[in-house]
Amino acid sequence: MFVVGTTNPTTEGQPETEASSMEARLRDRLSQLREEFANGQSQLLQAEARVRDLRETLLRISGAIQVLSEELGESQEG
């Protein structure tokens, strides 16, 4: 009689080798997804920081435009 791997059935009815192989693949995929999620969160934080910085820059530029327009006696547009 030839026996390859373990023949003890798991709760899913698969031999242990198939179940452990499936579990290993699922754990690998879970690890990958967690890493991708962490990377996505990091990128989102960076993007939000860039948006905040850009808003602050635009606010400063708007203020400078207003000051210069008033100095030149122009009416403010927009």
PDB file of N, CA and C in Angstrom:
ATOM      1  N   MET A   1       0.836  -1.177   0.000  1.00  0.00           N
ATOM      2  CA  MET A   1       0.000   0.000   0.000  1.00  0.00           C
ATOM      3  C   MET A   1       0.880   1.238   0.000  1.00  0.00           C
ATOM      4  N   PHE A   2       0.549   2.201  -0.880  1.00  0.00           N
ATOM      5  CA  PHE A   2       1.303   3.434  -1.040  1.00  0.00           C
ATOM      6  C   PHE A   2       0.533   4.568  -0.387  1.00  0.00           C
ATOM      7  N   VAL A   3       1.143   5.300   0.554  1.00  0.00           N
ATOM      8  CA  VAL A   3       0.476   6.420   1.217  1.00  0.00           C
ATOM      9  C   VAL A   3       1.326   7.660   1.024  1.00  0.00           C
ATOM     10  N   VAL A   4       0.715   8.696   0.461  1.00  0.00           N
ATOM     11  CA  VAL A   4       1.402   9.969   0.257  1.00  0.00           C
ATOM     12  C   VAL A   4       0.755  10.981   1.181  1.00  0.00           C
ATOM     13  N   GLY A   5       1.551  11.600   2.010  1.00  0.00           N
ATOM     14  CA  GLY A   5       1.012  12.600   2.930  1.00  0.00           C
ATOM     15  C   GLY A   5       0.190  11.941   4.022  1.00  0.00           C
ATOM     16  N   THR A   6      -0.534  12.760   4.742  1.00  0.00           N
ATOM     17  CA  THR A   6      -1.362  12.264   5.830  1.00  0.00           C
ATOM     18  C   THR A   6      -2.760  12.035   5.317  1.00  0.00           C
ATOM     19  N   THR A   7      -3.420  11.033   5.826  1.00  0.00           N
ATOM     20  CA  THR A   7      -4.768  10.736   5.358  1.00  0.00           C
ATOM     21  C   THR A   7      -5.818  11.041   6.410  1.00  0.00           C
ATOM     22  N   ASN A   8      -5.426  11.703   7.513  1.00  0.00           N
ATOM     23  CA  ASN A   8      -6.409  12.067   8.539  1.00  0.00           C
ATOM     24  C   ASN A   8      -7.288  13.181   7.996  1.00  0.00           C
ATOM     25  N   PRO A   9      -8.592  12.959   7.942  1.00  0.00           N
ATOM     26  CA  PRO A   9      -9.473  14.005   7.403  1.00  0.00           C
ATOM     27  C   PRO A   9      -9.596  15.177   8.369  1.00  0.00           C
ATOM     28  N   THR A  10      -9.801  16.362   7.787  1.00  0.00           N
ATOM     29  CA  THR A  10     -10.027  17.559   8.585  1.00  0.00           C
ATOM     30  C   THR A  10     -11.519  17.775   8.679  1.00  0.00           C
ATOM     31  N   THR A  11     -11.919  18.855   9.296  1.00  0.00           N
ATOM     32  CA  THR A  11     -13.346  19.136   9.426  1.00  0.00           C
ATOM     33  C   THR A  11     -13.996  19.396   8.076  1.00  0.00           C
ATOM     34  N   GLU A  12     -13.210  19.806   7.081  1.00  0.00           N
ATOM     35  CA  GLU A  12     -13.758  20.052   5.745  1.00  0.00           C
ATOM     36  C   GLU A  12     -13.789  18.773   4.919  1.00  0.00           C
ATOM     37  N   GLY A  13     -13.265  17.698   5.435  1.00  0.00           N
ATOM     38  CA  GLY A  13     -13.253  16.449   4.696  1.00  0.00           C
ATOM     39  C   GLY A  13     -12.054  16.305   3.783  1.00  0.00           C
ATOM     40  N   GLN A  14     -11.092  17.230   3.851  1.00  0.00           N
ATOM     41  CA  GLN A  14      -9.890  17.158   3.027  1.00  0.00           C
ATOM     42  C   GLN A  14      -8.781  16.506   3.833  1.00  0.00           C
ATOM     43  N   PRO A  15      -7.863  15.817   3.180  1.00  0.00           N
ATOM     44  CA  PRO A  15      -6.704  15.302   3.907  1.00  0.00           C
ATOM     45  C   PRO A  15      -5.918  16.457   4.527  1.00  0.00           C
ATOM     46  N   GLU A  16      -5.178  16.188   5.601  1.00  0.00           N
ATOM     47  CA  GLU A  16      -4.448  17.237   6.320  1.00  0.00           C
ATOM     48  C   GLU A  16      -3.479  17.993   5.425  1.00  0.00           C
ATOM     49  N   THR A  17      -2.815  17.325   4.514  1.00  0.00           N
ATOM     50  CA  THR A  17      -1.843  18.012   3.665  1.00  0.00           C
ATOM     51  C   THR A  17      -2.517  19.067   2.813  1.00  0.00           C
ATOM     52  N   GLU A  18      -3.676  18.762   2.262  1.00  0.00           N
ATOM     53  CA  GLU A  18      -4.388  19.758   1.460  1.00  0.00           C
ATOM     54  C   GLU A  18      -4.880  20.896   2.331  1.00  0.00           C
ATOM     55  N   ALA A  19      -5.384  20.563   3.505  1.00  0.00           N
ATOM     56  CA  ALA A  19      -5.892  21.598   4.407  1.00  0.00           C
ATOM     57  C   ALA A  19      -4.761  22.497   4.885  1.00  0.00           C
ATOM     58  N   SER A  20      -3.620  21.914   5.232  1.00  0.00           N
ATOM     59  CA  SER A  20      -2.505  22.737   5.700  1.00  0.00           C
ATOM     60  C   SER A  20      -1.946  23.584   4.565  1.00  0.00           C
ATOM     61  N   SER A  21      -1.966  23.046   3.351  1.00  0.00           N
ATOM     62  CA  SER A  21      -1.522  23.819   2.195  1.00  0.00           C
ATOM     63  C   SER A  21      -2.479  24.984   1.941  1.00  0.00           C
ATOM     64  N   MET A  22      -3.777  24.723   2.051  1.00  0.00           N
ATOM     65  CA  MET A  22      -4.782  25.776   1.868  1.00  0.00           C
ATOM     66  C   MET A  22      -4.626  26.819   2.968  1.00  0.00           C
ATOM     67  N   GLU A  23      -4.419  26.376   4.199  1.00  0.00           N
ATOM     68  CA  GLU A  23      -4.249  27.308   5.309  1.00  0.00           C
ATOM     69  C   GLU A  23      -3.013  28.180   5.105  1.00  0.00           C
ATOM     70  N   ALA A  24      -1.932  27.588   4.615  1.00  0.00           N
ATOM     71  CA  ALA A  24      -0.706  28.350   4.364  1.00  0.00           C
ATOM     72  C   ALA A  24      -0.950  29.411   3.293  1.00  0.00           C
ATOM     73  N   ARG A  25      -1.665  29.036   2.229  1.00  0.00           N
ATOM     74  CA  ARG A  25      -1.980  30.007   1.164  1.00  0.00           C
ATOM     75  C   ARG A  25      -2.865  31.128   1.699  1.00  0.00           C
ATOM     76  N   LEU A  26      -3.844  30.770   2.533  1.00  0.00           N
ATOM     77  CA  LEU A  26      -4.728  31.785   3.094  1.00  0.00           C
ATOM     78  C   LEU A  26      -3.966  32.722   4.028  1.00  0.00           C
ATOM     79  N   ARG A  27      -3.062  32.161   4.827  1.00  0.00           N
ATOM     80  CA  ARG A  27      -2.258  33.000   5.726  1.00  0.00           C
ATOM     81  C   ARG A  27      -1.347  33.928   4.925  1.00  0.00           C
ATOM     82  N   ASP A  28      -0.759  33.420   3.838  1.00  0.00           N
ATOM     83  CA  ASP A  28       0.082  34.253   2.978  1.00  0.00           C
ATOM     84  C   ASP A  28      -0.732  35.395   2.385  1.00  0.00           C
ATOM     85  N   ARG A  29      -1.923  35.067   1.898  1.00  0.00           N
ATOM     86  CA  ARG A  29      -2.774  36.091   1.277  1.00  0.00           C
ATOM     87  C   ARG A  29      -3.206  37.124   2.314  1.00  0.00           C
ATOM     88  N   LEU A  30      -3.546  36.652   3.516  1.00  0.00           N
ATOM     89  CA  LEU A  30      -3.919  37.563   4.588  1.00  0.00           C
ATOM     90  C   LEU A  30      -2.769  38.514   4.910  1.00  0.00           C
ATOM     91  N   SER A  31      -1.579  37.979   4.953  1.00  0.00           N
ATOM     92  CA  SER A  31      -0.396  38.800   5.213  1.00  0.00           C
ATOM     93  C   SER A  31      -0.211  39.845   4.112  1.00  0.00           C
ATOM     94  N   GLN A  32      -0.377  39.428   2.863  1.00  0.00           N
ATOM     95  CA  GLN A  32      -0.253  40.358   1.737  1.00  0.00           C
ATOM     96  C   GLN A  32      -1.297  41.464   1.823  1.00  0.00           C
ATOM     97  N   LEU A  33      -2.528  41.072   2.124  1.00  0.00           N
ATOM     98  CA  LEU A  33      -3.606  42.065   2.201  1.00  0.00           C
ATOM     99  C   LEU A  33      -3.373  43.052   3.340  1.00  0.00           C
ATOM    100  N   ARG A  34      -2.882  42.563   4.459  1.00  0.00           N
ATOM    101  CA  ARG A  34      -2.587  43.468   5.576  1.00  0.00           C
ATOM    102  C   ARG A  34      -1.487  44.449   5.204  1.00  0.00           C
ATOM    103  N   GLU A  35      -0.484  43.961   4.480  1.00  0.00           N
ATOM    104  CA  GLU A  35       0.609  44.839   4.043  1.00  0.00           C
ATOM    105  C   GLU A  35       0.093  45.884   3.055  1.00  0.00           C
ATOM    106  N   GLU A  36      -0.739  45.453   2.098  1.00  0.00           N
ATOM    107  CA  GLU A  36      -1.314  46.386   1.132  1.00  0.00           C
ATOM    108  C   GLU A  36      -2.184  47.429   1.840  1.00  0.00           C
ATOM    109  N   PHE A  37      -2.939  46.989   2.834  1.00  0.00           N
ATOM    110  CA  PHE A  37      -3.790  47.906   3.584  1.00  0.00           C
ATOM    111  C   PHE A  37      -2.955  48.950   4.307  1.00  0.00           C
ATOM    112  N   ALA A  38      -1.893  48.509   4.956  1.00  0.00           N
ATOM    113  CA  ALA A  38      -1.006  49.438   5.666  1.00  0.00           C
ATOM    114  C   ALA A  38      -0.373  50.429   4.697  1.00  0.00           C
ATOM    115  N   ASN A  39       0.049  49.938   3.530  1.00  0.00           N
ATOM    116  CA  ASN A  39       0.618  50.834   2.517  1.00  0.00           C
ATOM    117  C   ASN A  39      -0.423  51.843   2.039  1.00  0.00           C
ATOM    118  N   GLY A  40      -1.646  51.380   1.843  1.00  0.00           N
ATOM    119  CA  GLY A  40      -2.723  52.276   1.413  1.00  0.00           C
ATOM    120  C   GLY A  40      -3.013  53.344   2.446  1.00  0.00           C
ATOM    121  N   GLN A  41      -3.037  52.958   3.715  1.00  0.00           N
ATOM    122  CA  GLN A  41      -3.255  53.936   4.773  1.00  0.00           C
ATOM    123  C   GLN A  41      -2.140  54.979   4.792  1.00  0.00           C
ATOM    124  N   SER A  42      -0.922  54.530   4.625  1.00  0.00           N
ATOM    125  CA  SER A  42       0.216  55.449   4.609  1.00  0.00           C
ATOM    126  C   SER A  42       0.110  56.429   3.445  1.00  0.00           C
ATOM    127  N   GLN A  43      -0.239  55.913   2.264  1.00  0.00           N
ATOM    128  CA  GLN A  43      -0.389  56.774   1.101  1.00  0.00           C
ATOM    129  C   GLN A  43      -1.523  57.774   1.296  1.00  0.00           C
ATOM    130  N   LEU A  44      -2.613  57.331   1.933  1.00  0.00           N
ATOM    131  CA  LEU A  44      -3.736  58.221   2.184  1.00  0.00           C
ATOM    132  C   LEU A  44      -3.327  59.352   3.122  1.00  0.00           C
ATOM    133  N   LEU A  45      -2.589  59.026   4.167  1.00  0.00           N
ATOM    134  CA  LEU A  45      -2.123  60.061   5.086  1.00  0.00           C
ATOM    135  C   LEU A  45      -1.220  61.063   4.375  1.00  0.00           C
ATOM    136  N   GLN A  46      -0.354  60.565   3.494  1.00  0.00           N
ATOM    137  CA  GLN A  46       0.527  61.458   2.740  1.00  0.00           C
ATOM    138  C   GLN A  46      -0.275  62.353   1.805  1.00  0.00           C
ATOM    139  N   ALA A  47      -1.282  61.788   1.155  1.00  0.00           N
ATOM    140  CA  ALA A  47      -2.112  62.571   0.233  1.00  0.00           C
ATOM    141  C   ALA A  47      -2.889  63.633   1.001  1.00  0.00           C
ATOM    142  N   GLU A  48      -3.425  63.272   2.168  1.00  0.00           N
ATOM    143  CA  GLU A  48      -4.161  64.254   2.969  1.00  0.00           C
ATOM    144  C   GLU A  48      -3.234  65.377   3.438  1.00  0.00           C
ATOM    145  N   ALA A  49      -2.000  65.051   3.767  1.00  0.00           N
ATOM    146  CA  ALA A  49      -1.035  66.078   4.173  1.00  0.00           C
ATOM    147  C   ALA A  49      -0.733  67.009   3.004  1.00  0.00           C
ATOM    148  N   ARG A  50      -0.601  66.445   1.796  1.00  0.00           N
ATOM    149  CA  ARG A  50      -0.348  67.285   0.617  1.00  0.00           C
ATOM    150  C   ARG A  50      -1.531  68.214   0.354  1.00  0.00           C
ATOM    151  N   VAL A  51      -2.758  67.698   0.515  1.00  0.00           N
ATOM    152  CA  VAL A  51      -3.955  68.529   0.316  1.00  0.00           C
ATOM    153  C   VAL A  51      -3.964  69.662   1.336  1.00  0.00           C
ATOM    154  N   ARG A  52      -3.678  69.353   2.594  1.00  0.00           N
ATOM    155  CA  ARG A  52      -3.644  70.382   3.647  1.00  0.00           C
ATOM    156  C   ARG A  52      -2.598  71.446   3.322  1.00  0.00           C
ATOM    157  N   ASP A  53      -1.406  71.005   2.925  1.00  0.00           N
ATOM    158  CA  ASP A  53      -0.339  71.957   2.583  1.00  0.00           C
ATOM    159  C   ASP A  53      -0.729  72.825   1.392  1.00  0.00           C
ATOM    160  N   LEU A  54      -1.365  72.225   0.409  1.00  0.00           N
ATOM    161  CA  LEU A  54      -1.786  72.981  -0.770  1.00  0.00           C
ATOM    162  C   LEU A  54      -2.850  74.018  -0.414  1.00  0.00           C
ATOM    163  N   ARG A  55      -3.807  73.625   0.448  1.00  0.00           N
ATOM    164  CA  ARG A  55      -4.828  74.584   0.886  1.00  0.00           C
ATOM    165  C   ARG A  55      -4.196  75.773   1.610  1.00  0.00           C
ATOM    166  N   GLU A  56      -3.228  75.480   2.482  1.00  0.00           N
ATOM    167  CA  GLU A  56      -2.541  76.559   3.201  1.00  0.00           C
ATOM    168  C   GLU A  56      -1.786  77.469   2.238  1.00  0.00           C
ATOM    169  N   THR A  57      -1.151  76.889   1.242  1.00  0.00           N
ATOM    170  CA  THR A  57      -0.428  77.682   0.245  1.00  0.00           C
ATOM    171  C   THR A  57      -1.388  78.572  -0.536  1.00  0.00           C
ATOM    172  N   LEU A  58      -2.514  77.996  -0.956  1.00  0.00           N
ATOM    173  CA  LEU A  58      -3.500  78.782  -1.697  1.00  0.00           C
ATOM    174  C   LEU A  58      -4.074  79.903  -0.845  1.00  0.00           C
ATOM    175  N   LEU A  59      -4.270  79.647   0.437  1.00  0.00           N
ATOM    176  CA  LEU A  59      -4.768  80.682   1.333  1.00  0.00           C
ATOM    177  C   LEU A  59      -3.766  81.831   1.444  1.00  0.00           C
ATOM    178  N   ARG A  60      -2.477  81.501   1.557  1.00  0.00           N
ATOM    179  CA  ARG A  60      -1.451  82.554   1.612  1.00  0.00           C
ATOM    180  C   ARG A  60      -1.408  83.351   0.313  1.00  0.00           C
ATOM    181  N   ILE A  61      -1.497  82.664  -0.808  1.00  0.00           N
ATOM    182  CA  ILE A  61      -1.476  83.346  -2.110  1.00  0.00           C
ATOM    183  C   ILE A  61      -2.691  84.251  -2.239  1.00  0.00           C
ATOM    184  N   SER A  62      -3.842  83.753  -1.819  1.00  0.00           N
ATOM    185  CA  SER A  62      -5.063  84.551  -1.874  1.00  0.00           C
ATOM    186  C   SER A  62      -4.919  85.818  -1.029  1.00  0.00           C
ATOM    187  N   GLY A  63      -4.322  85.663   0.143  1.00  0.00           N
ATOM    188  CA  GLY A  63      -4.097  86.827   0.999  1.00  0.00           C
ATOM    189  C   GLY A  63      -3.161  87.824   0.359  1.00  0.00           C
ATOM    190  N   ALA A  64      -2.119  87.331  -0.268  1.00  0.00           N
ATOM    191  CA  ALA A  64      -1.165  88.224  -0.946  1.00  0.00           C
ATOM    192  C   ALA A  64      -1.833  88.940  -2.113  1.00  0.00           C
ATOM    193  N   ILE A  65      -2.676  88.222  -2.850  1.00  0.00           N
ATOM    194  CA  ILE A  65      -3.410  88.844  -3.962  1.00  0.00           C
ATOM    195  C   ILE A  65      -4.301  89.959  -3.439  1.00  0.00           C
ATOM    196  N   GLN A  66      -4.985  89.687  -2.331  1.00  0.00           N
ATOM    197  CA  GLN A  66      -5.878  90.699  -1.765  1.00  0.00           C
ATOM    198  C   GLN A  66      -5.109  91.936  -1.325  1.00  0.00           C
ATOM    199  N   VAL A  67      -3.989  91.746  -0.650  1.00  0.00           N
ATOM    200  CA  VAL A  67      -3.186  92.883  -0.181  1.00  0.00           C
ATOM    201  C   VAL A  67      -2.682  93.709  -1.359  1.00  0.00           C
ATOM    202  N   LEU A  68      -2.126  93.033  -2.368  1.00  0.00           N
ATOM    203  CA  LEU A  68      -1.593  93.758  -3.528  1.00  0.00           C
ATOM    204  C   LEU A  68      -2.690  94.459  -4.308  1.00  0.00           C
ATOM    205  N   SER A  69      -3.841  93.808  -4.439  1.00  0.00           N
ATOM    206  CA  SER A  69      -4.970  94.434  -5.137  1.00  0.00           C
ATOM    207  C   SER A  69      -5.410  95.689  -4.418  1.00  0.00           C
ATOM    208  N   GLU A  70      -5.474  95.615  -3.081  1.00  0.00           N
ATOM    209  CA  GLU A  70      -5.869  96.800  -2.309  1.00  0.00           C
ATOM    210  C   GLU A  70      -4.835  97.907  -2.439  1.00  0.00           C
ATOM    211  N   GLU A  71      -3.561  97.562  -2.440  1.00  0.00           N
ATOM    212  CA  GLU A  71      -2.493  98.546  -2.576  1.00  0.00           C
ATOM    213  C   GLU A  71      -2.579  99.243  -3.927  1.00  0.00           C
ATOM    214  N   LEU A  72      -2.967  98.494  -4.958  1.00  0.00           N
ATOM    215  CA  LEU A  72      -3.066  99.059  -6.306  1.00  0.00           C
ATOM    216  C   LEU A  72      -4.423  99.713  -6.553  1.00  0.00           C
ATOM    217  N   GLY A  73      -5.317  99.610  -5.583  1.00  0.00           N
ATOM    218  CA  GLY A  73      -6.628 100.231  -5.723  1.00  0.00           C
ATOM    219  C   GLY A  73      -7.552  99.489  -6.672  1.00  0.00           C
ATOM    220  N   GLU A  74      -7.288  98.236  -6.897  1.00  0.00           N
ATOM    221  CA  GLU A  74      -8.146  97.459  -7.799  1.00  0.00           C
ATOM    222  C   GLU A  74      -9.308  96.872  -7.019  1.00  0.00           C
ATOM    223  N   SER A  75     -10.420  96.688  -7.722  1.00  0.00           N
ATOM    224  CA  SER A  75     -11.514  95.971  -7.095  1.00  0.00           C
ATOM    225  C   SER A  75     -11.197  94.483  -7.167  1.00  0.00           C
ATOM    226  N   GLN A  76     -11.584  93.786  -6.119  1.00  0.00           N
ATOM    227  CA  GLN A  76     -11.240  92.365  -6.055  1.00  0.00           C
ATOM    228  C   GLN A  76     -12.226  91.554  -6.880  1.00  0.00           C
ATOM    229  N   GLU A  77     -11.676  90.668  -7.734  1.00  0.00           N
ATOM    230  CA  GLU A  77     -12.516  89.793  -8.549  1.00  0.00           C
ATOM    231  C   GLU A  77     -12.372  88.375  -8.010  1.00  0.00           C
ATOM    232  N   GLY A  78     -13.527  87.648  -7.859  1.00  0.00           N
ATOM    233  CA  GLY A  78     -13.518  86.252  -7.426  1.00  0.00           C
ATOM    234  C   GLY A  78     -13.119  86.152  -6.045  1.00  0.00           C
TER     235      GLY A  78
END
